[in-house]
Amino acid sequence: MILIGTAAASFIAIAHGFTWDDILKSICDKISEALPVILIVASIGFLIGSWMVSGTIPMMIYYGLKLINPQYFYISAFLLGALISVCTGTSWGSIGTVGIAMIGVAIGLNVSLPIAAGAIVSGCWFGDKLSPVSDSTNMAALAAGVNLHSHIGHLLWTTGPGFIVCSVIYSYMGMGIDASISTPENIVNLMTSIGHLYNFNLLLLLPPAIVLYGSLSKKPPIPMLFLSTIVSMILALTFQGFSASSVGESVVSGFKLSMVEGVNVASLSSDISRLLERGGAISMFSSFVTVFSAFSFAGAMSATGSLHTVIHALTKGVKSTFRLVATTILTTFTICACTANGTLPLLLCGDAFKDEYKKRGLAAKNLSRTTEDAGTVVEPIIPWSASGVYCATMLGVSTLDYLPWAILCYTGIIFALLLAVTGIGIAKCQSDETSENIAEHQL
């Protein structure tokens, strides 16, 4: 649909006297802006594959399951999902690993599956929103022309209160769970299978520590991602006994259980392959296509100024910060709901609205934060969206059932509007730093 829109915009441009070379130049200019985030997306694929083969992610899952107290199940599901997604930068990967494991625990404990699924989704999208290695976080910052770490810091104004609300509600809802319930058999089997496949030690926490250090110290993300990947590969060769070819294949194509020597894969837990066979740069191909398609569409629209004409019509008469933020939220959510894609509105609205924010003396990080509040974290509660379908399939709970309990997915919009009304957390323009400077800094 994005490419059809690109073709339509191109034909309209030609009909108005623009040449194909004009359109192609505009598209290429837009795609060149996306190159930093494309490199980061590829780096994330390498990272997850290396963390799987080294045992880093499996160890997080193993000890997370082992240490959970039944009465703290909901809050544990939320916090564990948040931890894994912050470290890996992928909500889908977290849902497909710790999410599946936690919903199995919920079934065994006979607790409410909608609440459990909502807590898992909230946690996984919390990390996807704030992780420096998340593709959506990098896309939102890039499209709005904002430094990545400045964008993440500004997100805390809306995501921080949402995190507190989630923690209070999930803790309260878990008080009624019987603490004497034993760990279900399927989880015991899963933990046993993971324990047979890997040799765990504290050094396996070094790769995520590198990523967290890079985030806290505001280092450029790509070098830190590659450093973490290289360290993970060394750990896989040193402690897990994988061959160099298997480690390389895991980083490029994703981890496979067939790489494990001396273990009868058929004897392992039935959930183990769905949990661990993840990662690899090739797994990120759909993100590459989305980025290229979205920026091609933006380029074709920009050739004639069409995109800015549409945005001007939307913002005409907007005189207050509240109305501008509300318009951004409405536009972002509408594109997300109509295209069933949470990434596209980040790219389109970030590029289209940034001049409006600058014109009103508002820092671009207000825009990037708002598009994430109304795009990234809203997608999993839209039943027909890619994320909504994926979560419902992976967790076995319908989107509408877990929607009321996926609290973090809509508190961002609520707090964004509250901040816009009060003026609290609304940053003013501090510099004229261009998006080109920011892209160069990120690289």
Protein backbone atom coordinates (compact mmCIF):
# COMPACT_ATOMS: atom_id res chain seq x y z
CA MET A 1 0.00 0.00 0.00
CA ILE A 2 2.89 2.36 0.74
CA LEU A 3 4.43 1.68 -2.66
CA ILE A 4 1.07 2.16 -4.41
CA GLY A 5 0.81 5.51 -2.65
CA THR A 6 4.35 6.33 -3.84
CA ALA A 7 3.38 5.52 -7.44
CA ALA A 8 0.22 7.66 -7.17
CA ALA A 9 2.20 10.59 -5.75
CA SER A 10 4.76 10.23 -8.54
CA PHE A 11 2.07 10.29 -11.27
CA ILE A 12 0.51 13.38 -9.70
CA ALA A 13 3.92 15.08 -9.62
CA ILE A 14 4.53 14.28 -13.30
CA ALA A 15 1.05 15.56 -14.17
CA HIS A 16 2.00 18.87 -12.55
CA GLY A 17 5.12 19.31 -14.63
CA PHE A 18 7.79 17.63 -12.49
CA THR A 19 10.23 15.26 -14.21
CA TRP A 20 11.08 11.74 -13.09
CA ASP A 21 14.57 12.97 -12.24
CA ASP A 22 13.06 15.54 -9.86
CA ILE A 23 11.03 12.81 -8.15
CA LEU A 24 13.96 10.37 -8.01
CA LYS A 25 16.24 13.00 -6.50
CA SER A 26 13.66 13.78 -3.81
CA ILE A 27 13.24 10.06 -3.01
CA CYS A 28 17.02 9.52 -2.84
CA ASP A 29 17.41 12.53 -0.55
CA LYS A 30 14.83 11.09 1.84
CA ILE A 31 16.32 7.57 1.76
CA SER A 32 19.78 8.98 2.48
CA GLU A 33 18.31 10.40 5.72
CA ALA A 34 17.24 6.86 6.64
CA LEU A 35 20.67 5.25 6.23
CA PRO A 36 21.70 5.68 9.90
CA VAL A 37 18.59 3.92 11.17
CA ILE A 38 18.95 1.19 8.52
CA LEU A 39 22.46 0.49 9.81
CA ILE A 40 21.12 0.38 13.37
CA VAL A 41 18.34 -2.04 12.38
CA ALA A 42 20.93 -4.35 10.79
CA SER A 43 23.10 -4.05 13.89
CA ILE A 44 20.15 -5.06 16.09
CA GLY A 45 19.67 -8.21 14.00
CA PHE A 46 23.34 -9.11 14.48
CA LEU A 47 23.03 -8.35 18.20
CA ILE A 48 20.04 -10.59 18.93
CA GLY A 49 21.56 -13.50 17.01
CA SER A 50 24.81 -13.18 18.97
CA TRP A 51 22.99 -12.87 22.31
CA MET A 52 21.08 -16.07 21.54
CA VAL A 53 24.11 -18.13 20.60
CA SER A 54 26.15 -16.82 23.55
CA GLY A 55 23.40 -17.68 26.04
CA THR A 56 22.78 -14.10 27.21
CA ILE A 57 19.05 -13.98 26.44
CA PRO A 58 18.41 -17.62 27.46
CA MET A 59 20.07 -16.93 30.84
CA MET A 60 17.81 -13.90 31.39
CA ILE A 61 14.76 -16.05 30.66
CA TYR A 62 16.00 -18.95 32.82
CA TYR A 63 16.66 -16.94 35.97
CA GLY A 64 13.66 -14.72 35.41
CA LEU A 65 11.39 -17.77 35.49
CA LYS A 66 13.25 -19.31 38.41
CA LEU A 67 12.97 -16.30 40.70
CA ILE A 68 9.31 -15.33 40.13
CA ASN A 69 7.01 -15.34 43.17
CA PRO A 70 3.36 -16.17 42.23
CA GLN A 71 1.97 -13.16 44.13
CA TYR A 72 4.24 -10.89 42.14
CA PHE A 73 3.52 -12.57 38.84
CA TYR A 74 1.87 -9.63 37.02
CA ILE A 75 4.46 -7.09 38.09
CA SER A 76 7.24 -9.63 37.35
CA ALA A 77 5.86 -10.22 33.85
CA PHE A 78 5.81 -6.46 33.28
CA LEU A 79 9.30 -5.80 34.66
CA LEU A 80 10.91 -8.83 32.99
CA GLY A 81 9.41 -7.88 29.63
CA ALA A 82 10.66 -4.32 30.12
CA LEU A 83 14.16 -5.51 31.04
CA ILE A 84 14.51 -7.86 28.08
CA SER A 85 13.11 -5.36 25.58
CA VAL A 86 15.31 -2.52 26.86
CA CYS A 87 18.37 -4.73 26.41
CA THR A 88 17.37 -6.21 23.04
CA GLY A 89 15.42 -3.25 21.63
CA THR A 90 12.73 -5.51 20.17
CA SER A 91 9.17 -5.81 21.44
CA TRP A 92 8.39 -8.64 19.02
CA GLY A 93 11.48 -10.57 20.05
CA SER A 94 10.59 -10.08 23.72
CA ILE A 95 7.00 -11.21 23.17
CA GLY A 96 8.28 -14.23 21.23
CA THR A 97 10.68 -15.21 24.03
CA VAL A 98 9.92 -14.05 27.56
CA GLY A 99 6.29 -13.28 26.60
CA ILE A 100 5.61 -16.85 25.55
CA ALA A 101 7.38 -18.17 28.63
CA MET A 102 5.41 -15.90 30.97
CA ILE A 103 2.04 -16.74 29.44
CA GLY A 104 2.91 -20.40 30.02
CA VAL A 105 3.54 -19.57 33.68
CA ALA A 106 0.20 -17.74 33.82
CA ILE A 107 -1.63 -20.78 32.46
CA GLY A 108 0.08 -23.02 35.00
CA LEU A 109 -0.76 -20.68 37.87
CA ASN A 110 -4.36 -20.33 36.67
CA VAL A 111 -4.24 -16.53 36.83
CA SER A 112 -6.08 -14.11 34.57
CA LEU A 113 -4.66 -14.45 31.06
CA PRO A 114 -5.92 -11.03 29.84
CA ILE A 115 -4.16 -9.27 32.76
CA ALA A 116 -1.03 -11.38 32.22
CA ALA A 117 -0.99 -10.63 28.49
CA GLY A 118 -1.59 -6.91 29.12
CA ALA A 119 1.30 -6.79 31.59
CA ILE A 120 3.59 -8.60 29.14
CA VAL A 121 2.66 -6.31 26.23
CA SER A 122 3.12 -3.19 28.39
CA GLY A 123 6.56 -4.32 29.52
CA CYS A 124 7.76 -5.33 26.08
CA TRP A 125 6.64 -2.06 24.49
CA PHE A 126 8.10 -0.03 27.34
CA GLY A 127 11.54 -1.30 26.35
CA ASP A 128 10.83 -0.96 22.64
CA LYS A 129 10.02 2.69 23.27
CA LEU A 130 13.03 3.54 25.44
CA SER A 131 15.78 1.21 24.25
CA PRO A 132 18.65 2.86 22.35
CA VAL A 133 18.83 -0.26 20.15
CA SER A 134 15.13 -0.19 19.20
CA ASP A 135 14.47 0.40 15.51
CA SER A 136 11.27 2.39 16.20
CA THR A 137 13.03 4.64 18.74
CA ASN A 138 15.79 5.38 16.26
CA MET A 139 13.29 5.98 13.45
CA ALA A 140 11.24 8.44 15.52
CA ALA A 141 14.35 10.41 16.49
CA LEU A 142 15.74 10.38 12.95
CA ALA A 143 12.49 11.46 11.26
CA ALA A 144 12.04 14.41 13.63
CA GLY A 145 15.72 15.36 13.44
CA VAL A 146 16.51 14.73 17.10
CA ASN A 147 19.57 13.33 18.85
CA LEU A 148 18.76 9.77 19.95
CA HIS A 149 19.67 10.17 23.62
CA SER A 150 17.85 13.50 23.85
CA HIS A 151 14.76 11.79 22.42
CA ILE A 152 14.95 8.91 24.94
CA GLY A 153 15.41 11.30 27.86
CA HIS A 154 12.40 13.36 26.78
CA LEU A 155 10.25 10.22 26.51
CA LEU A 156 10.52 9.79 30.27
CA TRP A 157 8.09 12.68 30.77
CA THR A 158 5.23 10.54 29.44
CA THR A 159 6.58 7.00 29.77
CA GLY A 160 7.86 7.42 33.34
CA PRO A 161 4.43 8.17 34.86
CA GLY A 162 2.96 5.37 32.75
CA PHE A 163 5.55 2.97 34.17
CA ILE A 164 4.58 3.96 37.73
CA VAL A 165 0.86 3.52 37.02
CA CYS A 166 1.52 0.06 35.53
CA SER A 167 3.67 -0.99 38.49
CA VAL A 168 1.00 0.03 41.02
CA ILE A 169 -1.89 -1.65 39.20
CA TYR A 170 -0.06 -4.89 38.38
CA SER A 171 1.24 -5.15 41.95
CA TYR A 172 -2.26 -4.65 43.34
CA MET A 173 -3.83 -7.19 40.96
CA GLY A 174 -1.28 -9.84 41.98
CA MET A 175 -2.13 -9.70 45.69
CA GLY A 176 -4.97 -12.19 45.28
CA ILE A 177 -2.81 -14.94 43.76
CA ASP A 178 -2.13 -17.96 45.99
CA ALA A 179 1.60 -17.87 46.81
CA SER A 180 1.67 -21.61 47.60
CA ILE A 181 1.12 -22.71 43.98
CA SER A 182 4.07 -24.69 42.67
CA THR A 183 5.83 -24.01 39.38
CA PRO A 184 3.91 -25.72 36.52
CA GLU A 185 5.50 -28.73 34.83
CA ASN A 186 5.81 -27.10 31.40
CA ILE A 187 7.91 -24.29 32.90
CA VAL A 188 10.10 -26.79 34.77
CA ASN A 189 10.67 -28.65 31.48
CA LEU A 190 11.42 -25.40 29.69
CA MET A 191 13.99 -24.35 32.30
CA THR A 192 15.56 -27.82 32.22
CA SER A 193 15.89 -27.67 28.43
CA ILE A 194 17.52 -24.23 28.54
CA GLY A 195 19.89 -25.44 31.26
CA HIS A 196 20.99 -28.40 29.10
CA LEU A 197 21.74 -26.20 26.11
CA TYR A 198 23.89 -23.50 27.73
CA ASN A 199 26.58 -22.98 30.34
CA PHE A 200 25.60 -19.95 32.40
CA ASN A 201 27.96 -17.54 34.17
CA LEU A 202 28.05 -13.86 35.09
CA LEU A 203 30.18 -12.94 32.07
CA LEU A 204 27.14 -13.52 29.86
CA LEU A 205 25.72 -10.28 31.26
CA LEU A 206 28.63 -8.34 29.78
CA PRO A 207 27.00 -7.80 26.32
CA PRO A 208 23.84 -6.10 27.69
CA ALA A 209 26.03 -4.19 30.16
CA ILE A 210 27.94 -2.75 27.19
CA VAL A 211 24.71 -1.60 25.55
CA LEU A 212 23.40 -0.08 28.78
CA TYR A 213 26.72 1.67 29.39
CA GLY A 214 26.63 3.09 25.86
CA SER A 215 23.10 4.38 26.47
CA LEU A 216 23.86 5.96 29.85
CA SER A 217 27.11 7.54 28.65
CA LYS A 218 25.46 8.70 25.39
CA LYS A 219 27.92 6.89 23.14
CA PRO A 220 27.08 6.49 19.42
CA PRO A 221 24.84 3.39 19.27
CA ILE A 222 26.27 1.56 16.24
CA PRO A 223 29.83 1.08 17.60
CA MET A 224 28.40 -0.05 20.95
CA LEU A 225 26.08 -2.55 19.24
CA PHE A 226 28.92 -4.04 17.24
CA LEU A 227 31.16 -4.18 20.32
CA SER A 228 28.43 -6.04 22.21
CA THR A 229 27.98 -8.40 19.25
CA ILE A 230 31.71 -9.18 19.05
CA VAL A 231 31.90 -9.81 22.81
CA SER A 232 28.87 -12.12 22.56
CA MET A 233 30.48 -14.08 19.73
CA ILE A 234 33.65 -14.54 21.80
CA LEU A 235 31.57 -15.72 24.78
CA ALA A 236 29.72 -18.20 22.54
CA LEU A 237 33.02 -19.67 21.33
CA THR A 238 34.53 -19.70 24.81
CA PHE A 239 31.72 -20.97 27.05
CA GLN A 240 29.07 -22.56 24.83
CA GLY A 241 31.29 -24.66 22.59
CA PHE A 242 29.72 -23.57 19.30
CA SER A 243 31.83 -23.68 16.15
CA ALA A 244 32.89 -20.46 14.48
CA SER A 245 30.65 -21.21 11.50
CA SER A 246 27.61 -21.73 13.78
CA VAL A 247 28.29 -18.44 15.58
CA GLY A 248 28.61 -16.62 12.27
CA GLU A 249 25.44 -18.22 10.93
CA SER A 250 23.54 -17.25 14.10
CA VAL A 251 24.58 -13.61 13.72
CA VAL A 252 23.59 -13.45 10.06
CA SER A 253 20.64 -15.86 9.74
CA GLY A 254 19.54 -16.39 13.34
CA PHE A 255 20.15 -19.02 16.01
CA LYS A 256 19.01 -22.61 15.31
CA LEU A 257 18.85 -25.51 17.76
CA SER A 258 20.48 -27.71 15.12
CA MET A 259 23.72 -25.84 15.88
CA VAL A 260 23.90 -27.50 19.31
CA GLU A 261 26.12 -30.59 19.24
CA GLY A 262 25.55 -33.63 21.44
CA VAL A 263 21.97 -32.73 22.40
CA ASN A 264 18.88 -34.58 21.24
CA VAL A 265 16.68 -31.67 20.13
CA ALA A 266 13.58 -33.91 20.03
CA SER A 267 13.92 -34.55 23.77
CA LEU A 268 13.76 -30.85 24.64
CA SER A 269 10.66 -28.90 25.67
CA SER A 270 8.26 -28.32 22.78
CA ASP A 271 8.41 -24.55 23.40
CA ILE A 272 12.19 -24.33 23.24
CA SER A 273 12.51 -23.76 19.48
CA ARG A 274 9.87 -21.04 19.50
CA LEU A 275 11.72 -19.35 22.35
CA LEU A 276 15.31 -19.52 21.13
CA GLU A 277 15.35 -19.65 17.32
CA ARG A 278 15.60 -15.88 16.85
CA GLY A 279 17.81 -13.05 15.63
CA GLY A 280 20.11 -12.52 12.68
CA ALA A 281 20.40 -9.61 10.29
CA ILE A 282 18.14 -11.36 7.77
CA SER A 283 15.29 -11.33 10.30
CA MET A 284 15.27 -7.52 10.06
CA PHE A 285 14.55 -7.49 6.33
CA SER A 286 10.90 -6.48 6.79
CA SER A 287 12.07 -3.41 8.72
CA PHE A 288 14.41 -2.51 5.85
CA VAL A 289 11.53 -2.71 3.37
CA THR A 290 9.28 -0.58 5.60
CA VAL A 291 11.92 2.14 5.96
CA PHE A 292 12.73 2.23 2.24
CA SER A 293 9.03 2.26 1.28
CA ALA A 294 8.05 4.94 3.81
CA PHE A 295 10.90 7.27 2.88
CA SER A 296 10.20 6.70 -0.83
CA PHE A 297 6.61 7.76 -0.22
CA ALA A 298 7.74 10.82 1.75
CA GLY A 299 10.20 11.67 -1.04
CA ALA A 300 7.55 11.44 -3.77
CA MET A 301 5.20 13.62 -1.72
CA SER A 302 7.96 16.11 -0.91
CA ALA A 303 8.84 16.56 -4.58
CA THR A 304 5.67 18.60 -5.07
CA GLY A 305 5.31 19.83 -1.49
CA SER A 306 2.12 17.74 -1.19
CA LEU A 307 2.94 16.37 2.27
CA HIS A 308 3.49 19.81 3.73
CA THR A 309 0.32 21.08 2.07
CA VAL A 310 -1.66 18.34 3.84
CA ILE A 311 0.02 19.11 7.18
CA HIS A 312 -0.61 22.83 6.70
CA ALA A 313 -4.31 22.10 6.22
CA LEU A 314 -4.34 20.00 9.40
CA THR A 315 -2.55 22.64 11.46
CA LYS A 316 -4.39 25.64 10.04
CA GLY A 317 -5.93 27.55 12.90
CA VAL A 318 -3.85 25.71 15.48
CA LYS A 319 -2.77 28.42 17.91
CA SER A 320 -1.90 26.51 21.09
CA THR A 321 0.64 23.85 22.01
CA PHE A 322 -2.18 21.60 23.17
CA ARG A 323 -3.93 21.69 19.79
CA LEU A 324 -0.67 21.07 17.94
CA VAL A 325 0.14 18.05 20.12
CA ALA A 326 -3.45 16.80 19.83
CA THR A 327 -3.32 17.16 16.03
CA THR A 328 -0.03 15.25 15.94
CA ILE A 329 -1.53 12.48 18.09
CA LEU A 330 -4.66 12.25 15.95
CA THR A 331 -2.67 12.17 12.69
CA THR A 332 -0.18 9.62 13.99
CA PHE A 333 -2.89 7.34 15.37
CA THR A 334 -4.97 7.61 12.19
CA ILE A 335 -2.05 6.62 9.97
CA CYS A 336 -1.20 3.78 12.36
CA ALA A 337 -4.79 2.50 12.37
CA CYS A 338 -5.29 2.87 8.61
CA THR A 339 -1.99 1.25 7.60
CA ALA A 340 -1.87 -1.31 10.47
CA ASN A 341 1.77 -0.28 10.89
CA GLY A 342 3.32 1.56 13.82
CA THR A 343 6.53 2.49 12.04
CA LEU A 344 5.10 4.40 9.08
CA PRO A 345 3.49 7.23 11.13
CA LEU A 346 6.78 7.79 12.96
CA LEU A 347 8.53 8.40 9.67
CA LEU A 348 5.79 10.40 7.94
CA CYS A 349 4.62 12.56 10.86
CA GLY A 350 8.14 13.16 12.11
CA ASP A 351 9.19 14.50 8.73
CA ALA A 352 5.96 16.38 8.05
CA PHE A 353 5.38 18.14 11.38
CA LYS A 354 8.91 19.20 12.33
CA ASP A 355 8.67 22.58 10.56
CA GLU A 356 5.40 23.31 12.39
CA TYR A 357 7.01 22.63 15.76
CA LYS A 358 10.05 24.72 14.87
CA LYS A 359 7.80 27.57 13.66
CA ARG A 360 6.13 27.65 17.09
CA GLY A 361 9.45 27.62 18.95
CA LEU A 362 9.04 24.03 20.20
CA ALA A 363 11.97 21.61 20.31
CA ALA A 364 11.76 18.74 17.84
CA LYS A 365 12.02 16.21 20.68
CA ASN A 366 8.44 17.15 21.62
CA LEU A 367 7.42 15.90 18.19
CA SER A 368 9.43 12.67 18.31
CA ARG A 369 8.03 11.91 21.77
CA THR A 370 4.46 12.52 20.65
CA THR A 371 4.74 10.30 17.58
CA GLU A 372 6.03 7.48 19.79
CA ASP A 373 3.23 8.02 22.32
CA ALA A 374 0.58 7.79 19.58
CA GLY A 375 2.32 5.36 17.22
CA THR A 376 4.86 2.90 18.60
CA VAL A 377 3.05 1.82 21.76
CA VAL A 378 -0.50 2.10 20.41
CA GLU A 379 0.01 -0.42 17.60
CA PRO A 380 -0.30 -3.61 19.75
CA ILE A 381 -3.79 -2.62 20.99
CA ILE A 382 -5.12 -2.16 17.43
CA PRO A 383 -6.64 -5.60 16.64
CA TRP A 384 -5.92 -5.53 12.90
CA SER A 385 -2.38 -4.17 13.14
CA ALA A 386 0.68 -6.35 12.59
CA SER A 387 1.65 -6.08 16.27
CA GLY A 388 -1.89 -6.68 17.51
CA VAL A 389 -2.21 -9.87 15.46
CA TYR A 390 1.29 -10.99 16.45
CA CYS A 391 0.69 -10.50 20.19
CA ALA A 392 -2.68 -12.23 20.08
CA THR A 393 -1.14 -15.17 18.21
CA MET A 394 1.96 -15.51 20.40
CA LEU A 395 0.12 -15.08 23.72
CA GLY A 396 -3.13 -16.86 22.84
CA VAL A 397 -5.20 -13.92 24.13
CA SER A 398 -7.30 -11.74 21.82
CA THR A 399 -6.26 -8.12 21.41
CA LEU A 400 -9.56 -6.76 22.75
CA ASP A 401 -9.27 -8.98 25.85
CA TYR A 402 -5.82 -7.73 26.88
CA LEU A 403 -6.39 -4.14 25.65
CA PRO A 404 -7.71 -2.74 29.01
CA TRP A 405 -4.69 -4.20 30.81
CA ALA A 406 -2.04 -3.07 28.31
CA ILE A 407 -1.91 0.12 30.35
CA LEU A 408 1.34 1.54 29.03
CA CYS A 409 -0.04 1.46 25.49
CA TYR A 410 -2.47 4.31 26.10
CA THR A 411 -1.14 6.20 29.13
CA GLY A 412 1.44 7.86 26.85
CA ILE A 413 -1.33 9.69 24.97
CA ILE A 414 -3.05 10.70 28.22
CA PHE A 415 0.12 12.13 29.76
CA ALA A 416 1.14 13.77 26.46
CA LEU A 417 -2.13 15.72 26.43
CA LEU A 418 -1.83 16.60 30.12
CA LEU A 419 1.69 17.95 29.61
CA ALA A 420 0.55 19.93 26.60
CA VAL A 421 -2.22 21.55 28.68
CA THR A 422 0.02 22.42 31.62
CA GLY A 423 3.18 23.20 29.65
CA ILE A 424 5.19 20.91 31.93
CA GLY A 425 7.79 18.85 30.06
CA ILE A 426 7.34 20.88 26.85
CA ALA A 427 10.83 21.83 25.65
CA LYS A 428 11.50 25.02 23.73
CA CYS A 429 13.93 25.30 20.81
CA GLN A 430 17.51 25.51 22.07
CA SER A 431 19.50 25.27 18.83
CA ASP A 432 19.24 25.03 15.08
CA GLU A 433 20.97 21.67 14.89
CA THR A 434 20.04 20.02 11.62
CA SER A 435 19.01 16.44 11.05
CA GLU A 436 22.14 15.94 8.98
CA ASN A 437 24.30 16.79 11.98
CA ILE A 438 22.29 14.40 14.11
CA ALA A 439 22.54 11.57 11.61
CA GLU A 440 26.28 12.06 11.45
CA HIS A 441 26.48 12.03 15.27
CA GLN A 442 24.47 8.78 15.42
CA LEU A 443 26.81 7.13 12.92
